Every structure is written in structure tokens, then in C-alpha cells.
Amino acid sequence: MSLFAAFIYSQALFLVLVAYFILNIAYSFKLKHIAIVDIFIIATGFVLRLFAGAQVTDTTLSMWIIIITFLLAIFLALAKRRDDVLLSIEGKETRKNIDGYNLEFVNAAMVLMSGVVILSYLQYTVSPEVITRIGSEYLYLTTLFVILAILRYMQITFVEQQSGSPSKIVLHDTFIKITLILWLLSFIAIAKFL
């Protein structure tokens, strides 16, 4: 029914939803059992949701939002897999694909992806098209809050070992909530006044 409604509303939205549906079926039956591929499928799902939202709101997505969403989703999926590895070490039942991961690999991959996410965001803030669109060359200052949020997330993951639910962390961790609010306020202030 929703696919039919999407087709009536927009053929582009329909194609995005079909791709998302097929991706979820493939993930459920096979791809979730293949280490590394599973996290890429999760990240692709987030990007497809972006495309669906853009179709519904008639918004043009920048390459930067697509890139950063994809990379951040990989980072968060790795944190989730780390939690699965820890459960596996404790002898608790987890996903079949957890054999393709170990703590050393996931830790290294998370550190790598955190750097890539931060550099991508920084590149976004200094890109000529963003400087022109926002009207300020000082947007790079907001990178401070991105770094703080990622470091806090890594602290929760590595020190507190509580990375099982990214949405719960973002909704309940005061440090991350304050950091995200400060990021948003600084972004708006720079865009309007600098």
C-alpha cells in the first residue's frame, strides 16, 4: 500500500523505497551475516532514508550530507558491532557474523572512521560551495563540537562499554545533547552573524 502511494506521489520516491525494501530483504536473509558488508548495508539504508526524505520535502541533498551520513552510520554500526563482540566474549549469543569481527579490528576501524568523519565534516565546512551558500568562511569553527561529540561517543564505547544503542546514547547522554545543541547554535550564529 505505501509503495503504491509513493508511486502515485513520486516515481523517484517509489524507486528509493523499492531499493530500500530490496536492501532490507537482502540484509535480512543473507547480507547481515557477512562481516563488513553488514555495516555498509546499514549505512546505505540511512542514505536511502535521506533520499526518501528529500523526495517528500522536495529538498536537494548536497554531496556532503550524503557522505557524512554514510560515514557516521558506519562509525555507529561499528560501535554496535563492538558491543556484539563484547557480548560474544562474555559467552552470550549474538549475530552469526560476529565471527568476522574481533575487538582489535572493531576498535581500529572505529578510530579510523572517527577520523574520516571529522575530516569529512571539516572539508564540508571549508568547501567553496558551502562557504558561498552559508555566507561565512568561519563555519569550520563548529568542527570543535563535532570532535567533542565523537570523542564522547568513543568514551562511552571504549571506557563505559555501552555502545549497544546509538539512539539511546544520543537521547540520554547529557554531554552529547549539550554538545549537539552548542553545535546547532554555533552553526546558526555563524551563518547569520559571521
N, C-alpha and C. Protein backbone atom coordinates (compact mmCIF):
# COMPACT_ATOMS: atom_id res chain seq x y z
N MET A 1 0.81 -1.20 0.00
CA MET A 1 0.00 0.00 0.00
C MET A 1 0.86 1.27 0.00
N SER A 2 1.89 1.31 0.90
CA SER A 2 2.74 2.50 0.95
C SER A 2 3.56 2.65 -0.33
N LEU A 3 3.97 1.54 -0.94
CA LEU A 3 4.70 1.62 -2.20
C LEU A 3 3.80 2.18 -3.30
N PHE A 4 2.54 1.79 -3.31
CA PHE A 4 1.60 2.30 -4.30
C PHE A 4 1.40 3.81 -4.09
N ALA A 5 1.23 4.22 -2.84
CA ALA A 5 1.07 5.65 -2.53
C ALA A 5 2.32 6.42 -2.94
N ALA A 6 3.49 5.85 -2.69
CA ALA A 6 4.75 6.50 -3.09
C ALA A 6 4.82 6.65 -4.60
N PHE A 7 4.38 5.62 -5.33
CA PHE A 7 4.41 5.66 -6.79
C PHE A 7 3.50 6.78 -7.32
N ILE A 8 2.34 6.92 -6.69
CA ILE A 8 1.40 7.98 -7.09
C ILE A 8 2.00 9.35 -6.78
N TYR A 9 2.64 9.46 -5.62
CA TYR A 9 3.20 10.74 -5.18
C TYR A 9 4.42 11.13 -6.02
N SER A 10 5.35 10.18 -6.18
CA SER A 10 6.60 10.48 -6.89
C SER A 10 7.27 9.18 -7.31
N GLN A 11 7.59 9.08 -8.59
CA GLN A 11 8.26 7.88 -9.06
C GLN A 11 9.66 7.76 -8.47
N ALA A 12 10.31 8.90 -8.25
CA ALA A 12 11.64 8.87 -7.63
C ALA A 12 11.56 8.32 -6.21
N LEU A 13 10.55 8.76 -5.45
CA LEU A 13 10.34 8.23 -4.09
C LEU A 13 10.05 6.74 -4.15
N PHE A 14 9.23 6.34 -5.09
CA PHE A 14 8.91 4.92 -5.27
C PHE A 14 10.19 4.11 -5.49
N LEU A 15 11.08 4.59 -6.36
CA LEU A 15 12.33 3.87 -6.64
C LEU A 15 13.22 3.78 -5.40
N VAL A 16 13.27 4.85 -4.63
CA VAL A 16 14.06 4.84 -3.39
C VAL A 16 13.49 3.82 -2.41
N LEU A 17 12.18 3.81 -2.26
CA LEU A 17 11.54 2.86 -1.34
C LEU A 17 11.69 1.42 -1.80
N VAL A 18 11.63 1.18 -3.11
CA VAL A 18 11.85 -0.17 -3.63
C VAL A 18 13.28 -0.61 -3.35
N ALA A 19 14.23 0.30 -3.59
CA ALA A 19 15.64 -0.02 -3.31
C ALA A 19 15.83 -0.32 -1.82
N TYR A 20 15.20 0.47 -0.96
CA TYR A 20 15.29 0.27 0.48
C TYR A 20 14.68 -1.08 0.88
N PHE A 21 13.53 -1.39 0.29
CA PHE A 21 12.84 -2.65 0.56
C PHE A 21 13.70 -3.84 0.14
N ILE A 22 14.25 -3.78 -1.07
CA ILE A 22 15.11 -4.87 -1.58
C ILE A 22 16.35 -5.01 -0.71
N LEU A 23 16.95 -3.88 -0.34
CA LEU A 23 18.14 -3.90 0.50
C LEU A 23 17.84 -4.55 1.85
N ASN A 24 16.69 -4.23 2.43
CA ASN A 24 16.31 -4.82 3.72
C ASN A 24 16.05 -6.32 3.61
N ILE A 25 15.43 -6.75 2.53
CA ILE A 25 15.20 -8.18 2.31
C ILE A 25 16.55 -8.90 2.18
N ALA A 26 17.42 -8.34 1.34
CA ALA A 26 18.75 -8.95 1.15
C ALA A 26 19.53 -8.97 2.45
N TYR A 27 19.42 -7.90 3.23
CA TYR A 27 20.11 -7.83 4.52
C TYR A 27 19.57 -8.90 5.46
N SER A 28 18.25 -9.01 5.54
CA SER A 28 17.62 -9.95 6.47
C SER A 28 17.97 -11.40 6.16
N PHE A 29 18.04 -11.74 4.87
CA PHE A 29 18.25 -13.14 4.51
C PHE A 29 19.71 -13.53 4.35
N LYS A 30 20.57 -12.61 3.94
CA LYS A 30 21.95 -13.02 3.66
C LYS A 30 23.00 -12.02 4.13
N LEU A 31 22.83 -10.75 3.76
CA LEU A 31 23.91 -9.78 3.92
C LEU A 31 24.25 -9.45 5.37
N LYS A 32 23.31 -9.63 6.28
CA LYS A 32 23.63 -9.35 7.68
C LYS A 32 24.60 -10.37 8.27
N HIS A 33 24.80 -11.46 7.57
CA HIS A 33 25.71 -12.50 8.05
C HIS A 33 27.13 -12.34 7.48
N ILE A 34 27.34 -11.33 6.65
CA ILE A 34 28.66 -11.11 6.05
C ILE A 34 29.30 -9.90 6.72
N ALA A 35 30.37 -10.17 7.48
CA ALA A 35 31.06 -9.11 8.20
C ALA A 35 31.54 -8.04 7.23
N ILE A 36 31.53 -6.82 7.65
CA ILE A 36 31.87 -5.60 6.93
C ILE A 36 30.75 -5.21 5.96
N VAL A 37 30.27 -6.16 5.15
CA VAL A 37 29.16 -5.85 4.25
C VAL A 37 27.95 -5.41 5.06
N ASP A 38 27.73 -6.04 6.21
CA ASP A 38 26.56 -5.71 7.03
C ASP A 38 26.55 -4.24 7.45
N ILE A 39 27.70 -3.70 7.84
CA ILE A 39 27.71 -2.30 8.28
C ILE A 39 27.55 -1.35 7.09
N PHE A 40 28.04 -1.76 5.92
CA PHE A 40 27.85 -0.93 4.73
C PHE A 40 26.38 -0.91 4.31
N ILE A 41 25.69 -2.02 4.49
CA ILE A 41 24.27 -2.08 4.18
C ILE A 41 23.49 -1.17 5.13
N ILE A 42 23.85 -1.21 6.40
CA ILE A 42 23.20 -0.33 7.38
C ILE A 42 23.39 1.13 6.99
N ALA A 43 24.62 1.50 6.65
CA ALA A 43 24.92 2.88 6.26
C ALA A 43 24.18 3.27 4.98
N THR A 44 24.10 2.36 4.04
CA THR A 44 23.36 2.62 2.80
C THR A 44 21.88 2.84 3.10
N GLY A 45 21.34 2.10 4.05
CA GLY A 45 19.95 2.30 4.46
C GLY A 45 19.70 3.71 4.98
N PHE A 46 20.64 4.26 5.75
CA PHE A 46 20.49 5.62 6.23
C PHE A 46 20.51 6.62 5.07
N VAL A 47 21.37 6.38 4.11
CA VAL A 47 21.44 7.27 2.94
C VAL A 47 20.14 7.19 2.13
N LEU A 48 19.60 5.99 1.98
CA LEU A 48 18.33 5.86 1.26
C LEU A 48 17.20 6.58 1.99
N ARG A 49 17.23 6.58 3.32
CA ARG A 49 16.23 7.34 4.08
C ARG A 49 16.37 8.84 3.81
N LEU A 50 17.62 9.29 3.70
CA LEU A 50 17.86 10.69 3.34
C LEU A 50 17.21 11.01 1.99
N PHE A 51 17.44 10.13 1.00
CA PHE A 51 16.88 10.35 -0.32
C PHE A 51 15.36 10.35 -0.28
N ALA A 52 14.77 9.45 0.51
CA ALA A 52 13.31 9.42 0.64
C ALA A 52 12.80 10.72 1.25
N GLY A 53 13.45 11.17 2.30
CA GLY A 53 13.06 12.43 2.93
C GLY A 53 13.20 13.61 1.98
N ALA A 54 14.25 13.60 1.19
CA ALA A 54 14.47 14.68 0.22
C ALA A 54 13.36 14.69 -0.84
N GLN A 55 12.91 13.50 -1.24
CA GLN A 55 11.82 13.42 -2.21
C GLN A 55 10.52 13.95 -1.62
N VAL A 56 10.23 13.59 -0.39
CA VAL A 56 8.98 14.02 0.25
C VAL A 56 8.97 15.53 0.48
N THR A 57 10.12 16.09 0.88
CA THR A 57 10.18 17.52 1.20
C THR A 57 10.64 18.37 0.03
N ASP A 58 10.89 17.73 -1.11
CA ASP A 58 11.37 18.43 -2.31
C ASP A 58 12.64 19.23 -2.01
N THR A 59 13.59 18.54 -1.37
CA THR A 59 14.86 19.13 -0.98
C THR A 59 15.97 18.52 -1.81
N THR A 60 16.93 19.34 -2.22
CA THR A 60 18.10 18.84 -2.92
C THR A 60 19.17 18.51 -1.89
N LEU A 61 19.67 17.29 -1.93
CA LEU A 61 20.71 16.89 -0.99
C LEU A 61 22.08 17.28 -1.53
N SER A 62 22.91 17.79 -0.64
CA SER A 62 24.29 18.06 -1.04
C SER A 62 25.08 16.76 -0.94
N MET A 63 26.16 16.70 -1.68
CA MET A 63 27.00 15.51 -1.59
C MET A 63 27.54 15.35 -0.18
N TRP A 64 27.70 16.46 0.53
CA TRP A 64 28.28 16.41 1.87
C TRP A 64 27.37 15.72 2.87
N ILE A 65 26.07 16.00 2.81
CA ILE A 65 25.16 15.34 3.75
C ILE A 65 25.12 13.84 3.49
N ILE A 66 25.21 13.47 2.23
CA ILE A 66 25.22 12.05 1.87
C ILE A 66 26.49 11.38 2.38
N ILE A 67 27.62 12.00 2.11
CA ILE A 67 28.92 11.44 2.54
C ILE A 67 29.00 11.33 4.06
N ILE A 68 28.68 12.42 4.74
CA ILE A 68 28.82 12.43 6.20
C ILE A 68 27.83 11.48 6.86
N THR A 69 26.62 11.41 6.34
CA THR A 69 25.64 10.46 6.88
C THR A 69 26.14 9.03 6.71
N PHE A 70 26.64 8.71 5.54
CA PHE A 70 27.15 7.36 5.27
C PHE A 70 28.30 7.01 6.22
N LEU A 71 29.26 7.92 6.35
CA LEU A 71 30.43 7.66 7.19
C LEU A 71 30.06 7.58 8.67
N LEU A 72 29.19 8.48 9.12
CA LEU A 72 28.77 8.45 10.52
C LEU A 72 27.99 7.18 10.83
N ALA A 73 27.17 6.72 9.88
CA ALA A 73 26.42 5.48 10.08
C ALA A 73 27.36 4.28 10.18
N ILE A 74 28.43 4.27 9.40
CA ILE A 74 29.43 3.19 9.52
C ILE A 74 30.07 3.23 10.90
N PHE A 75 30.44 4.42 11.35
CA PHE A 75 31.03 4.59 12.68
C PHE A 75 30.11 4.04 13.77
N LEU A 76 28.83 4.41 13.72
CA LEU A 76 27.87 3.96 14.73
C LEU A 76 27.61 2.46 14.63
N ALA A 77 27.58 1.93 13.41
CA ALA A 77 27.38 0.48 13.23
C ALA A 77 28.57 -0.30 13.80
N LEU A 78 29.76 0.25 13.63
CA LEU A 78 30.95 -0.40 14.21
C LEU A 78 30.86 -0.42 15.73
N ALA A 79 30.38 0.67 16.31
CA ALA A 79 30.22 0.71 17.77
C ALA A 79 29.23 -0.35 18.23
N LYS A 80 28.17 -0.53 17.45
CA LYS A 80 27.18 -1.57 17.76
C LYS A 80 27.82 -2.95 17.65
N ARG A 81 28.61 -3.17 16.61
CA ARG A 81 29.29 -4.47 16.44
C ARG A 81 30.27 -4.70 17.59
N ARG A 82 30.90 -3.64 18.08
CA ARG A 82 31.81 -3.77 19.22
C ARG A 82 31.05 -4.30 20.43
N ASP A 83 29.86 -3.77 20.64
CA ASP A 83 29.03 -4.24 21.73
C ASP A 83 28.70 -5.72 21.54
N ASP A 84 28.41 -6.12 20.29
CA ASP A 84 28.13 -7.53 19.99
C ASP A 84 29.35 -8.41 20.28
N VAL A 85 30.55 -7.91 19.94
CA VAL A 85 31.79 -8.67 20.21
C VAL A 85 31.95 -8.86 21.71
N LEU A 86 31.70 -7.81 22.49
CA LEU A 86 31.83 -7.92 23.94
C LEU A 86 30.85 -8.94 24.50
N LEU A 87 29.62 -8.95 23.98
CA LEU A 87 28.64 -9.95 24.42
C LEU A 87 29.11 -11.36 24.06
N SER A 88 29.70 -11.49 22.89
CA SER A 88 30.22 -12.78 22.44
C SER A 88 31.35 -13.26 23.35
N ILE A 89 32.21 -12.34 23.75
CA ILE A 89 33.33 -12.67 24.65
C ILE A 89 32.78 -13.16 25.99
N GLU A 90 31.67 -12.57 26.42
CA GLU A 90 31.03 -12.98 27.69
C GLU A 90 30.27 -14.29 27.55
N GLY A 91 30.23 -14.84 26.34
CA GLY A 91 29.56 -16.11 26.11
C GLY A 91 28.08 -16.00 25.80
N LYS A 92 27.62 -14.78 25.57
CA LYS A 92 26.21 -14.58 25.24
C LYS A 92 26.00 -14.73 23.74
N GLU A 93 24.81 -15.16 23.37
CA GLU A 93 24.51 -15.39 21.95
C GLU A 93 24.35 -14.05 21.23
N THR A 94 25.00 -13.95 20.07
CA THR A 94 24.92 -12.73 19.26
C THR A 94 24.72 -13.11 17.80
N ARG A 95 24.96 -12.19 16.91
CA ARG A 95 24.79 -12.40 15.47
C ARG A 95 25.76 -13.44 14.94
N LYS A 96 25.36 -14.07 13.83
CA LYS A 96 26.24 -15.06 13.21
C LYS A 96 27.51 -14.42 12.65
N ASN A 97 27.39 -13.19 12.16
CA ASN A 97 28.53 -12.56 11.50
C ASN A 97 29.59 -12.05 12.48
N ILE A 98 29.34 -12.18 13.77
CA ILE A 98 30.28 -11.65 14.75
C ILE A 98 31.63 -12.36 14.66
N ASP A 99 31.65 -13.56 14.06
CA ASP A 99 32.92 -14.27 13.86
C ASP A 99 33.85 -13.48 12.95
N GLY A 100 33.31 -12.62 12.12
CA GLY A 100 34.13 -11.80 11.23
C GLY A 100 34.68 -10.56 11.90
N TYR A 101 34.39 -10.37 13.16
CA TYR A 101 34.86 -9.21 13.92
C TYR A 101 35.58 -9.69 15.17
N ASN A 102 36.54 -8.89 15.60
CA ASN A 102 37.10 -9.06 16.94
C ASN A 102 37.34 -7.67 17.51
N LEU A 103 37.65 -7.61 18.78
CA LEU A 103 37.77 -6.33 19.46
C LEU A 103 38.85 -5.44 18.83
N GLU A 104 39.98 -6.03 18.50
CA GLU A 104 41.08 -5.26 17.92
C GLU A 104 40.66 -4.63 16.59
N PHE A 105 40.02 -5.42 15.73
CA PHE A 105 39.59 -4.92 14.42
C PHE A 105 38.55 -3.81 14.58
N VAL A 106 37.54 -4.04 15.41
CA VAL A 106 36.47 -3.06 15.56
C VAL A 106 37.01 -1.77 16.19
N ASN A 107 37.87 -1.89 17.18
CA ASN A 107 38.46 -0.69 17.79
C ASN A 107 39.24 0.12 16.76
N ALA A 108 40.08 -0.56 15.98
CA ALA A 108 40.87 0.13 14.96
C ALA A 108 39.97 0.76 13.89
N ALA A 109 38.94 0.05 13.48
CA ALA A 109 38.01 0.56 12.47
C ALA A 109 37.25 1.78 12.99
N MET A 110 36.87 1.75 14.26
CA MET A 110 36.17 2.90 14.84
C MET A 110 37.07 4.13 14.90
N VAL A 111 38.32 3.93 15.30
CA VAL A 111 39.27 5.05 15.35
C VAL A 111 39.47 5.62 13.94
N LEU A 112 39.64 4.74 12.98
CA LEU A 112 39.80 5.18 11.58
C LEU A 112 38.57 5.98 11.13
N MET A 113 37.38 5.43 11.35
CA MET A 113 36.16 6.08 10.89
C MET A 113 35.90 7.39 11.62
N SER A 114 36.28 7.47 12.89
CA SER A 114 36.08 8.74 13.61
C SER A 114 36.91 9.84 12.96
N GLY A 115 38.14 9.52 12.59
CA GLY A 115 38.98 10.50 11.90
C GLY A 115 38.43 10.89 10.55
N VAL A 116 37.92 9.91 9.81
CA VAL A 116 37.36 10.18 8.49
C VAL A 116 36.10 11.04 8.61
N VAL A 117 35.27 10.77 9.59
CA VAL A 117 34.05 11.58 9.80
C VAL A 117 34.44 13.03 10.12
N ILE A 118 35.37 13.21 11.02
CA ILE A 118 35.79 14.56 11.41
C ILE A 118 36.39 15.30 10.22
N LEU A 119 37.27 14.65 9.48
CA LEU A 119 37.88 15.29 8.31
C LEU A 119 36.85 15.60 7.23
N SER A 120 35.88 14.73 7.06
CA SER A 120 34.83 15.00 6.07
C SER A 120 34.00 16.21 6.48
N TYR A 121 33.67 16.29 7.77
CA TYR A 121 32.91 17.45 8.23
C TYR A 121 33.73 18.72 8.06
N LEU A 122 35.00 18.67 8.41
CA LEU A 122 35.87 19.83 8.26
C LEU A 122 35.96 20.24 6.78
N GLN A 123 36.09 19.26 5.90
CA GLN A 123 36.14 19.53 4.46
C GLN A 123 34.83 20.18 3.99
N TYR A 124 33.71 19.72 4.54
CA TYR A 124 32.42 20.32 4.24
C TYR A 124 32.41 21.80 4.62
N THR A 125 32.91 22.10 5.82
CA THR A 125 32.83 23.48 6.31
C THR A 125 33.70 24.45 5.53
N VAL A 126 34.74 23.96 4.88
CA VAL A 126 35.64 24.86 4.13
C VAL A 126 35.46 24.74 2.61
N SER A 127 34.48 23.95 2.19
CA SER A 127 34.27 23.82 0.75
C SER A 127 33.69 25.12 0.18
N PRO A 128 34.14 25.51 -1.00
CA PRO A 128 33.69 26.79 -1.57
C PRO A 128 32.17 26.89 -1.71
N GLU A 129 31.51 25.80 -2.12
CA GLU A 129 30.05 25.90 -2.31
C GLU A 129 29.33 26.12 -0.99
N VAL A 130 29.84 25.55 0.10
CA VAL A 130 29.21 25.74 1.41
C VAL A 130 29.49 27.15 1.92
N ILE A 131 30.70 27.63 1.76
CA ILE A 131 31.03 28.99 2.17
C ILE A 131 30.14 29.99 1.42
N THR A 132 29.94 29.75 0.13
CA THR A 132 29.08 30.63 -0.66
C THR A 132 27.63 30.54 -0.20
N ARG A 133 27.13 29.32 -0.01
CA ARG A 133 25.73 29.13 0.38
C ARG A 133 25.44 29.68 1.77
N ILE A 134 26.33 29.40 2.73
CA ILE A 134 26.13 29.85 4.12
C ILE A 134 26.48 31.33 4.26
N GLY A 135 27.44 31.78 3.46
CA GLY A 135 27.84 33.19 3.51
C GLY A 135 28.86 33.48 4.59
N SER A 136 29.60 32.46 5.00
CA SER A 136 30.63 32.66 6.03
C SER A 136 31.76 31.66 5.82
N GLU A 137 32.97 32.13 6.05
CA GLU A 137 34.12 31.24 5.98
C GLU A 137 34.53 30.71 7.34
N TYR A 138 33.72 30.99 8.36
CA TYR A 138 34.04 30.59 9.74
C TYR A 138 33.29 29.35 10.21
N LEU A 139 32.59 28.70 9.32
CA LEU A 139 31.82 27.52 9.70
C LEU A 139 32.72 26.41 10.26
N TYR A 140 33.98 26.40 9.86
CA TYR A 140 34.92 25.39 10.35
C TYR A 140 35.02 25.39 11.87
N LEU A 141 34.68 26.51 12.52
CA LEU A 141 34.75 26.57 13.99
C LEU A 141 33.79 25.58 14.65
N THR A 142 32.71 25.21 13.94
CA THR A 142 31.75 24.25 14.50
C THR A 142 32.32 22.84 14.59
N THR A 143 33.45 22.61 13.93
CA THR A 143 34.11 21.30 13.99
C THR A 143 34.47 20.92 15.42
N LEU A 144 34.73 21.91 16.23
CA LEU A 144 35.03 21.68 17.65
C LEU A 144 33.96 20.80 18.29
N PHE A 145 32.69 21.10 18.03
CA PHE A 145 31.60 20.36 18.65
C PHE A 145 31.45 18.96 18.05
N VAL A 146 31.78 18.83 16.78
CA VAL A 146 31.75 17.50 16.15
C VAL A 146 32.82 16.62 16.79
N ILE A 147 33.99 17.17 16.99
CA ILE A 147 35.08 16.42 17.64
C ILE A 147 34.68 16.03 19.07
N LEU A 148 34.12 16.97 19.81
CA LEU A 148 33.69 16.68 21.18
C LEU A 148 32.66 15.56 21.22
N ALA A 149 31.67 15.61 20.33
CA ALA A 149 30.62 14.59 20.32
C ALA A 149 31.19 13.22 19.97
N ILE A 150 32.09 13.18 18.99
CA ILE A 150 32.66 11.89 18.59
C ILE A 150 33.56 11.34 19.70
N LEU A 151 34.36 12.21 20.31
CA LEU A 151 35.20 11.74 21.42
C LEU A 151 34.36 11.23 22.59
N ARG A 152 33.25 11.92 22.87
CA ARG A 152 32.37 11.44 23.95
C ARG A 152 31.76 10.10 23.58
N TYR A 153 31.36 9.94 22.32
CA TYR A 153 30.79 8.67 21.90
C TYR A 153 31.83 7.55 22.02
N MET A 154 33.07 7.87 21.68
CA MET A 154 34.14 6.87 21.81
C MET A 154 34.42 6.58 23.27
N GLN A 155 34.31 7.57 24.13
CA GLN A 155 34.48 7.33 25.56
C GLN A 155 33.39 6.39 26.08
N ILE A 156 32.17 6.63 25.66
CA ILE A 156 31.06 5.74 26.05
C ILE A 156 31.34 4.33 25.54
N THR A 157 31.85 4.24 24.33
CA THR A 157 32.12 2.93 23.71
C THR A 157 33.30 2.21 24.36
N PHE A 158 34.44 2.88 24.46
CA PHE A 158 35.66 2.23 24.92
C PHE A 158 35.81 2.16 26.44
N VAL A 159 35.40 3.22 27.14
CA VAL A 159 35.59 3.27 28.58
C VAL A 159 34.38 2.68 29.31
N GLU A 160 33.19 3.17 28.94
CA GLU A 160 31.98 2.70 29.62
C GLU A 160 31.42 1.42 29.01
N GLN A 161 31.87 1.10 27.80
CA GLN A 161 31.44 -0.10 27.07
C GLN A 161 29.92 -0.21 26.99
N GLN A 162 29.30 0.88 26.54
CA GLN A 162 27.85 0.96 26.46
C GLN A 162 27.39 1.44 25.08
N SER A 163 27.94 0.86 24.02
CA SER A 163 27.65 1.37 22.67
C SER A 163 26.57 0.57 21.96
N GLY A 164 25.79 -0.19 22.67
CA GLY A 164 24.80 -1.06 22.04
C GLY A 164 23.65 -0.36 21.36
N SER A 165 23.29 0.83 21.83
CA SER A 165 22.14 1.53 21.25
C SER A 165 22.49 2.99 20.99
N PRO A 166 22.88 3.31 19.76
CA PRO A 166 23.24 4.70 19.43
C PRO A 166 22.12 5.70 19.72
N SER A 167 20.87 5.32 19.44
CA SER A 167 19.77 6.27 19.67
C SER A 167 19.61 6.56 21.16
N LYS A 168 19.75 5.55 22.01
CA LYS A 168 19.65 5.78 23.46
C LYS A 168 20.78 6.68 23.95
N ILE A 169 21.96 6.48 23.40
CA ILE A 169 23.11 7.31 23.81
C ILE A 169 22.83 8.76 23.47
N VAL A 170 22.41 9.02 22.24
CA VAL A 170 22.17 10.40 21.81
C VAL A 170 21.02 11.03 22.60
N LEU A 171 20.00 10.24 22.90
CA LEU A 171 18.84 10.78 23.61
C LEU A 171 19.07 10.96 25.11
N HIS A 172 19.97 10.15 25.70
CA HIS A 172 20.10 10.16 27.16
C HIS A 172 21.43 10.70 27.69
N ASP A 173 22.43 10.83 26.84
CA ASP A 173 23.73 11.31 27.34
C ASP A 173 23.72 12.85 27.34
N THR A 174 23.83 13.43 28.52
CA THR A 174 23.76 14.88 28.67
C THR A 174 24.90 15.58 27.92
N PHE A 175 26.10 15.04 28.00
CA PHE A 175 27.26 15.64 27.34
C PHE A 175 27.01 15.74 25.83
N ILE A 176 26.56 14.66 25.23
CA ILE A 176 26.31 14.66 23.78
C ILE A 176 25.17 15.60 23.44
N LYS A 177 24.10 15.60 24.23
CA LYS A 177 22.97 16.51 23.95
C LYS A 177 23.41 17.97 24.00
N ILE A 178 24.17 18.33 25.03
CA ILE A 178 24.66 19.71 25.15
C ILE A 178 25.57 20.05 23.98
N THR A 179 26.44 19.12 23.63
CA THR A 179 27.36 19.35 22.51
C THR A 179 26.60 19.56 21.21
N LEU A 180 25.57 18.75 20.96
CA LEU A 180 24.77 18.90 19.74
C LEU A 180 24.02 20.23 19.73
N ILE A 181 23.50 20.65 20.87
CA ILE A 181 22.81 21.95 20.96
C ILE A 181 23.80 23.08 20.69
N LEU A 182 24.99 23.00 21.29
CA LEU A 182 26.01 24.03 21.07
C LEU A 182 26.46 24.06 19.61
N TRP A 183 26.56 22.87 19.00
CA TRP A 183 26.90 22.81 17.57
C TRP A 183 25.85 23.54 16.75
N LEU A 184 24.58 23.23 17.00
CA LEU A 184 23.49 23.85 16.24
C LEU A 184 23.47 25.36 16.44
N LEU A 185 23.60 25.81 17.70
CA LEU A 185 23.59 27.24 17.98
C LEU A 185 24.77 27.95 17.32
N SER A 186 25.95 27.33 17.38
CA SER A 186 27.13 27.95 16.75
C SER A 186 26.98 27.99 15.24
N PHE A 187 26.41 26.93 14.67
CA PHE A 187 26.18 26.89 13.22
C PHE A 187 25.25 28.03 12.80
N ILE A 188 24.15 28.19 13.53
CA ILE A 188 23.19 29.26 13.22
C ILE A 188 23.82 30.63 13.41
N ALA A 189 24.55 30.81 14.52
CA ALA A 189 25.18 32.10 14.80
C ALA A 189 26.19 32.47 13.73
N ILE A 190 27.00 31.52 13.33
CA ILE A 190 28.00 31.79 12.28
C ILE A 190 27.32 32.10 10.96
N ALA A 191 26.29 31.34 10.61
CA ALA A 191 25.58 31.56 9.35
C ALA A 191 24.89 32.93 9.31
N LYS A 192 24.39 33.39 10.46
CA LYS A 192 23.63 34.65 10.48
C LYS A 192 24.50 35.88 10.73
N PHE A 193 25.55 35.73 11.55
CA PHE A 193 26.26 36.92 12.00
C PHE A 193 27.73 37.01 11.56
N LEU A 194 28.32 35.92 11.11
CA LEU A 194 29.72 36.00 10.70
C LEU A 194 29.79 35.82 9.20
